[in-house]
């Protein structure tokens, strides 16, 4: 009878230990759920970065192959003015008093 009680106690202790590990220990359900959320978030970030990289790659290819693109970008970003052109800068006044 006493042996049976000890065996029952030992089995119950093992069961509690396994349950604890399942819910709170390393590799627990909560940790797996957290890791899945992190993976989903990282995949979203990676997709955004891939799209950005693809856009930049297309822009680099365009700049390498088309001088018109280079000229347009130089005009827009650097204020390029060709020889013989007249540059007009129109400044609007602030309408705030």
Protein backbone atom coordinates (compact mmCIF):
# COMPACT_ATOMS: atom_id res chain seq x y z
CA UNK A 1 0.00 0.00 0.00
CA UNK A 2 2.81 2.41 0.92
CA UNK A 3 4.70 1.49 -2.26
CA UNK A 4 1.61 2.23 -4.31
CA UNK A 5 1.27 5.65 -2.69
CA UNK A 6 4.91 6.45 -3.45
CA UNK A 7 4.48 5.29 -7.04
CA UNK A 8 1.34 7.41 -7.39
CA UNK A 9 3.15 10.40 -5.88
CA UNK A 10 6.13 9.92 -8.23
CA UNK A 11 3.88 9.67 -11.28
CA UNK A 12 1.97 12.77 -10.21
CA UNK A 13 5.25 14.67 -9.72
CA UNK A 14 6.44 13.66 -13.21
CA UNK A 15 3.09 14.71 -14.69
CA UNK A 16 3.25 18.10 -12.96
CA UNK A 17 6.83 18.60 -14.09
CA UNK A 18 5.91 17.80 -17.72
CA UNK A 19 2.89 20.10 -17.57
CA UNK A 20 5.03 22.90 -16.19
CA UNK A 21 7.52 22.48 -19.04
CA UNK A 22 4.70 22.38 -21.57
CA UNK A 23 3.18 25.66 -20.43
CA UNK A 24 6.09 27.66 -18.98
CA UNK A 25 9.43 26.06 -19.81
CA UNK A 26 11.69 26.29 -22.84
CA UNK A 27 9.76 25.36 -25.97
CA UNK A 28 6.45 26.06 -24.23
CA UNK A 29 3.25 26.91 -26.06
CA UNK A 30 3.63 30.57 -25.14
CA UNK A 31 7.16 30.71 -26.47
CA UNK A 32 6.13 29.02 -29.72
CA UNK A 33 3.28 31.51 -30.16
CA UNK A 34 5.63 34.44 -29.49
CA UNK A 35 8.18 33.10 -31.97
CA UNK A 36 5.48 32.65 -34.63
CA UNK A 37 4.42 36.29 -34.14
CA UNK A 38 8.05 37.42 -34.45
CA UNK A 39 8.50 35.34 -37.62
CA UNK A 40 5.38 36.86 -39.19
CA UNK A 41 6.56 40.36 -38.32
CA UNK A 42 10.05 39.66 -39.71
CA UNK A 43 8.59 38.23 -42.93
CA UNK A 44 6.53 41.40 -43.37
CA UNK A 45 9.62 43.56 -42.82
CA UNK A 46 11.58 41.40 -45.28
CA UNK A 47 8.85 41.78 -47.92
CA UNK A 48 8.95 45.57 -47.55
CA UNK A 49 12.74 45.58 -47.84
CA UNK A 50 12.62 43.29 -50.88
CA UNK A 51 10.18 45.69 -52.58
CA UNK A 52 12.44 48.65 -51.75
CA UNK A 53 15.51 46.82 -53.05
CA UNK A 54 13.69 45.91 -56.27
CA UNK A 55 12.70 49.55 -56.79
CA UNK A 56 16.28 50.69 -56.20
CA UNK A 57 17.60 48.02 -58.56
CA UNK A 58 15.24 49.20 -61.32
CA UNK A 59 16.33 52.78 -60.69
CA UNK A 60 20.02 51.83 -60.93
CA UNK A 61 19.39 49.94 -64.19
CA UNK A 62 17.54 52.95 -65.57
CA UNK A 63 20.37 55.31 -64.61
CA UNK A 64 22.95 52.99 -66.20
CA UNK A 65 21.11 52.60 -69.48
CA UNK A 66 19.26 55.88 -70.11
CA UNK A 67 20.97 59.28 -70.17
CA UNK A 68 17.57 60.97 -70.13
CA UNK A 69 16.95 59.54 -66.70
CA UNK A 70 20.29 60.84 -65.49
CA UNK A 71 19.52 64.30 -66.88
CA UNK A 72 16.02 64.34 -65.37
CA UNK A 73 17.38 63.38 -61.98
CA UNK A 74 20.16 65.97 -62.18
CA UNK A 75 17.60 68.65 -63.04
CA UNK A 76 15.27 67.66 -60.21
CA UNK A 77 17.82 67.03 -57.46
CA UNK A 78 20.80 69.17 -58.39
CA UNK A 79 19.19 72.04 -60.30
CA UNK A 80 20.94 71.28 -63.61
CA UNK A 81 20.53 73.99 -66.25
CA UNK A 82 21.70 73.36 -69.80
CA UNK A 83 23.69 75.92 -71.70
CA UNK A 84 21.33 78.31 -73.48
CA UNK A 85 18.44 77.69 -71.10
CA UNK A 86 17.02 80.37 -68.87
CA UNK A 87 16.19 79.47 -65.32
CA UNK A 88 13.19 81.06 -63.65
CA UNK A 89 12.53 80.59 -59.95
CA UNK A 90 9.02 81.49 -58.88
CA UNK A 91 8.71 82.07 -55.17
CA UNK A 92 5.24 82.24 -53.71
CA UNK A 93 4.61 84.51 -50.76
CA UNK A 94 3.32 83.02 -47.54
CA UNK A 95 -0.40 83.67 -47.20
CA UNK A 96 -0.17 83.54 -43.43
CA UNK A 97 -0.15 86.98 -41.75
